[in-house]
Amino acid sequence: DTEYTVEVSGDRMPAWLAVRAGHGGRPPVAHDAVAALASRGVREGVDAACVEAALAASGERLEVARGTPPTPGKNAWLEPLVEVNRQRHPHIDATGHGDFHDLGAIPVVAPGAPVMRRHPPQKGIPGVNVLGERVPAADGRDLRFGVRLQGVTASPEDPALLVAELAGQPLLQHDGISVEPILHFDVVDLSAGNIDFPGSLVVRGDIRSGMRGSAGGDITVGGVIESATVSAGGDIKVQGGIVG
């Protein structure tokens, strides 16, 4: 009679069949091939076309069944709802001329503005092997907002939503977003561009000639203010003097 050799992998996901035709006995038929698979417990993921191919393959070992692997769950992730860490570039007008003093607005948020949403982890989808056994799937890993984030708080109506507590610049962190009410620069020149910020401004060095610096709070300058335009809603403190 025809011989049917069934092999199941160690992880029980694929199964193979080799068919050796008999001599004068029962010929190779699909019904007997499926019965041979069932005798080894193979009932899931059997491909009829592959079984037919194995019947005609003269003893060649072919894969005839494959289980459904588990799908891991998606990890929790944090979605910024505001523009963060934007690169500023010179403003180009309609005539193609560039203003290298104007590098565009610094991203800011107002108190109460939503800044980030946490999306919860998703459960994995179990699989099934060729023996019909359930294969568990790993669930997605959770991720929480950092406890040391500055200038933000969880919304009272939605703990998965971060909102700004104060006006300032949103800064992306690995575990959330902080809102910085004080803007720091080493120097205000063409590399920094003109500054317009609702919070306070701290410049460690100079504010160079031709630049503009405006802040809703205080402005502290560690160096010199040259012939620049500086305005503040609070105090202006200059350690190095004013020239021009």
Protein backbone atom coordinates (compact mmCIF):
# COMPACT_ATOMS: atom_id res chain seq x y z
CA ASP A 1 0.00 0.00 0.00
CA THR A 2 0.94 3.67 -0.33
CA GLU A 3 2.94 5.00 2.66
CA TYR A 4 2.24 8.42 4.22
CA THR A 5 4.96 9.91 6.41
CA VAL A 6 3.89 12.90 8.52
CA GLU A 7 6.38 15.15 10.31
CA VAL A 8 5.44 17.96 12.72
CA SER A 9 7.93 20.68 13.66
CA GLY A 10 9.07 21.25 17.23
CA ASP A 11 6.98 24.42 17.57
CA ARG A 12 4.01 22.61 15.97
CA MET A 13 3.51 25.33 13.42
CA PRO A 14 4.37 23.63 10.10
CA ALA A 15 3.73 19.98 9.22
CA TRP A 16 5.17 18.03 6.29
CA LEU A 17 3.97 15.04 4.30
CA ALA A 18 5.88 12.57 2.17
CA VAL A 19 3.90 10.10 0.02
CA ARG A 20 5.50 6.93 -1.34
CA ALA A 21 3.20 5.18 -3.82
CA GLY A 22 2.54 1.50 -3.24
CA HIS A 23 3.02 -1.39 -5.65
CA GLY A 24 -0.23 -3.16 -6.41
CA GLY A 25 -1.89 -2.04 -3.15
CA ARG A 26 -3.92 1.09 -2.32
CA PRO A 27 -2.99 4.01 -4.60
CA PRO A 28 -2.22 7.48 -3.17
CA VAL A 29 -5.46 9.38 -2.55
CA ALA A 30 -6.22 12.64 -0.74
CA HIS A 31 -8.62 10.99 1.73
CA ASP A 32 -5.90 8.65 3.03
CA ALA A 33 -3.37 11.50 3.13
CA VAL A 34 -5.69 13.62 5.29
CA ALA A 35 -6.38 10.59 7.50
CA ALA A 36 -2.63 10.14 7.98
CA LEU A 37 -2.31 13.79 9.01
CA ALA A 38 -5.23 13.42 11.42
CA SER A 39 -3.62 10.34 12.98
CA ARG A 40 -0.75 12.62 14.04
CA GLY A 41 -3.19 15.25 15.30
CA VAL A 42 -2.73 17.62 12.35
CA ARG A 43 -6.14 19.24 11.79
CA GLU A 44 -5.52 22.99 11.51
CA GLY A 45 -4.09 24.91 8.57
CA VAL A 46 -4.12 21.97 6.13
CA ASP A 47 -3.77 23.18 2.54
CA ALA A 48 -5.63 20.92 0.11
CA ALA A 49 -3.53 22.06 -2.86
CA CYS A 50 -0.31 21.20 -1.00
CA VAL A 51 -1.70 17.78 -0.11
CA GLU A 52 -2.41 17.14 -3.80
CA ALA A 53 1.12 18.29 -4.64
CA ALA A 54 2.56 15.86 -2.08
CA LEU A 55 0.52 13.00 -3.61
CA ALA A 56 2.16 13.69 -6.97
CA ALA A 57 5.67 14.36 -5.66
CA SER A 58 6.91 10.75 -5.55
CA GLY A 59 8.15 10.68 -1.98
CA GLU A 60 9.30 14.30 -1.76
CA ARG A 61 8.70 15.89 1.66
CA LEU A 62 6.41 18.91 1.27
CA GLU A 63 4.85 21.31 3.74
CA VAL A 64 1.09 20.69 3.75
CA ALA A 65 -0.11 22.50 6.89
CA ARG A 66 0.83 25.67 8.74
CA GLY A 67 -0.58 27.10 11.92
CA THR A 68 -1.49 30.72 12.54
CA PRO A 69 1.23 32.45 14.61
CA PRO A 70 0.21 34.75 17.46
CA THR A 71 0.18 38.50 16.86
CA PRO A 72 1.92 40.45 19.65
CA GLY A 73 -0.02 43.35 21.12
CA LYS A 74 0.98 46.91 20.31
CA ASN A 75 2.88 48.78 23.01
CA ALA A 76 1.41 51.89 24.56
CA TRP A 77 2.60 55.07 22.83
CA LEU A 78 2.59 58.81 23.38
CA GLU A 79 1.23 61.14 20.71
CA PRO A 80 2.33 64.80 20.79
CA LEU A 81 -0.62 67.11 20.11
CA VAL A 82 1.51 70.24 19.64
CA GLU A 83 4.52 71.16 17.57
CA VAL A 84 7.73 70.31 19.42
CA ASN A 85 11.47 70.72 18.82
CA ARG A 86 10.89 72.55 15.54
CA GLN A 87 13.87 73.69 13.51
CA ARG A 88 13.63 77.41 12.75
CA HIS A 89 14.67 78.79 9.35
CA PRO A 90 15.01 82.26 7.80
CA HIS A 91 11.77 83.75 6.54
CA ILE A 92 11.61 83.99 2.73
CA ASP A 93 9.18 86.60 1.36
CA ALA A 94 7.21 86.52 -1.91
CA THR A 95 10.13 88.07 -3.84
CA GLY A 96 12.53 85.37 -2.70
CA HIS A 97 14.47 87.58 -0.29
CA GLY A 98 15.39 86.08 3.07
CA ASP A 99 15.21 87.80 6.45
CA PHE A 100 17.90 86.12 8.53
CA HIS A 101 16.75 87.94 11.64
CA ASP A 102 13.32 86.27 11.40
CA LEU A 103 13.59 82.52 11.89
CA GLY A 104 9.88 82.05 12.55
CA ALA A 105 7.85 81.79 15.71
CA ILE A 106 8.99 79.71 18.66
CA PRO A 107 6.30 77.06 19.37
CA VAL A 108 4.37 77.97 22.52
CA VAL A 109 1.27 76.69 24.28
CA ALA A 110 -1.28 78.44 26.48
CA PRO A 111 -2.39 77.20 29.91
CA GLY A 112 -4.94 74.41 29.59
CA ALA A 113 -3.89 73.46 26.04
CA PRO A 114 -3.72 69.69 25.32
CA VAL A 115 -0.11 68.75 24.63
CA MET A 116 0.07 64.94 24.55
CA ARG A 117 -2.20 61.88 24.52
CA ARG A 118 -1.31 58.45 25.87
CA HIS A 119 -2.62 55.53 23.83
CA PRO A 120 -3.02 52.38 25.97
CA PRO A 121 -1.36 49.06 25.12
CA GLN A 122 -3.27 46.56 23.03
CA LYS A 123 -3.73 42.88 23.81
CA GLY A 124 -2.10 40.30 21.60
CA ILE A 125 -4.10 38.00 19.33
CA PRO A 126 -3.53 34.31 20.14
CA GLY A 127 -2.54 31.92 17.37
CA VAL A 128 -3.23 28.24 16.79
CA ASN A 129 -0.80 25.50 15.80
CA VAL A 130 -1.41 22.62 13.37
CA LEU A 131 -2.62 20.44 16.25
CA GLY A 132 -5.37 22.93 17.02
CA GLU A 133 -3.70 24.10 20.23
CA ARG A 134 -4.01 27.76 21.26
CA VAL A 135 -0.70 29.67 21.12
CA PRO A 136 -0.73 32.61 23.55
CA ALA A 137 0.35 36.07 22.41
CA ALA A 138 2.29 38.65 24.38
CA ASP A 139 0.32 41.76 25.28
CA GLY A 140 1.75 45.19 24.51
CA ARG A 141 3.90 46.84 27.19
CA ASP A 142 2.44 49.75 29.10
CA LEU A 143 3.95 53.23 29.17
CA ARG A 144 3.06 55.96 31.64
CA PHE A 145 3.67 59.68 31.68
CA GLY A 146 6.79 60.67 33.60
CA VAL A 147 6.32 61.88 37.17
CA ARG A 148 8.89 64.69 36.85
CA LEU A 149 7.45 66.48 33.82
CA GLN A 150 7.41 70.23 34.34
CA GLY A 151 4.61 72.64 33.46
CA VAL A 152 2.02 69.96 32.61
CA THR A 153 -0.62 67.91 34.42
CA ALA A 154 -3.08 65.14 33.59
CA SER A 155 -6.51 66.38 32.57
CA PRO A 156 -9.10 65.89 35.37
CA GLU A 157 -11.58 64.58 32.76
CA ASP A 158 -9.11 62.31 30.96
CA PRO A 159 -6.02 60.87 32.75
CA ALA A 160 -4.59 59.84 29.36
CA LEU A 161 -4.37 63.50 28.28
CA LEU A 162 -1.60 65.91 29.32
CA VAL A 163 -2.48 69.61 29.41
CA ALA A 164 -0.25 72.64 29.94
CA GLU A 165 -0.32 74.24 33.38
CA LEU A 166 1.31 77.46 32.18
CA ALA A 167 2.33 79.32 29.04
CA GLY A 168 5.68 78.30 27.58
CA GLN A 169 7.62 76.27 25.06
CA PRO A 170 6.66 72.55 24.75
CA LEU A 171 9.71 70.30 24.88
CA LEU A 172 9.50 66.62 23.95
CA GLN A 173 10.82 64.16 26.56
CA HIS A 174 11.15 60.38 26.34
CA ASP A 175 8.20 59.93 28.71
CA GLY A 176 6.04 62.95 27.90
CA ILE A 177 6.19 66.68 27.21
CA SER A 178 7.39 69.48 29.48
CA VAL A 179 6.36 73.11 29.15
CA GLU A 180 9.29 75.43 29.81
CA PRO A 181 8.28 78.94 30.97
CA ILE A 182 11.85 80.23 30.70
CA LEU A 183 13.67 80.33 27.36
CA HIS A 184 17.46 80.03 27.51
CA PHE A 185 19.97 81.16 24.88
CA ASP A 186 23.75 81.46 24.94
CA VAL A 187 23.55 84.50 22.67
CA VAL A 188 20.86 86.20 20.62
CA ASP A 189 22.30 86.75 17.14
CA LEU A 190 21.51 85.55 13.63
CA SER A 191 21.89 81.93 14.74
CA ALA A 192 19.07 82.37 17.27
CA GLY A 193 16.94 84.86 15.34
CA ASN A 194 14.52 87.36 16.82
CA ILE A 195 12.82 86.16 19.98
CA ASP A 196 9.14 86.61 20.86
CA PHE A 197 8.14 84.51 23.89
CA PRO A 198 5.26 84.75 26.39
CA GLY A 199 7.40 83.61 29.33
CA SER A 200 10.78 84.81 30.57
CA LEU A 201 14.03 84.99 28.58
CA VAL A 202 17.53 84.29 29.90
CA VAL A 203 20.50 85.11 27.65
CA ARG A 204 23.84 83.98 29.05
CA GLY A 205 25.83 86.15 26.65
CA ASP A 206 24.95 89.17 24.48
CA ILE A 207 21.97 90.39 22.49
CA ARG A 208 23.69 91.50 19.32
CA SER A 209 23.11 94.53 17.16
CA GLY A 210 19.99 94.58 15.00
CA MET A 211 18.23 91.79 16.92
CA ARG A 212 14.88 91.92 18.70
CA GLY A 213 13.98 90.21 21.94
CA SER A 214 10.51 90.29 23.45
CA ALA A 215 9.21 88.40 26.48
CA GLY A 216 6.00 88.43 28.49
CA GLY A 217 7.98 87.93 31.72
CA ASP A 218 11.49 89.02 32.71
CA ILE A 219 14.56 89.27 30.48
CA THR A 220 17.96 88.57 32.03
CA VAL A 221 21.10 89.24 29.98
CA GLY A 222 24.45 88.04 31.29
CA GLY A 223 26.46 89.99 28.73
CA VAL A 224 25.81 93.20 26.76
CA ILE A 225 22.77 94.50 24.94
CA GLU A 226 24.06 96.13 21.78
CA SER A 227 21.89 98.35 19.57
CA ALA A 228 19.02 95.90 19.76
CA THR A 229 15.31 96.22 20.55
CA VAL A 230 14.43 94.57 23.84
CA SER A 231 11.01 94.64 25.54
CA ALA A 232 9.62 92.74 28.50
CA GLY A 233 6.40 92.47 30.45
CA GLY A 234 8.49 92.23 33.63
CA ASP A 235 12.01 93.40 34.48
CA ILE A 236 15.00 93.72 32.14
CA LYS A 237 18.23 92.91 33.96
CA VAL A 238 21.55 93.45 32.17
CA GLN A 239 24.83 92.50 33.80
CA GLY A 240 27.26 93.65 31.12
CA GLY A 241 25.78 97.01 30.12
CA ILE A 242 23.98 98.55 27.18
CA VAL A 243 25.85 99.86 24.13
CA GLY A 244 24.30 101.86 21.26
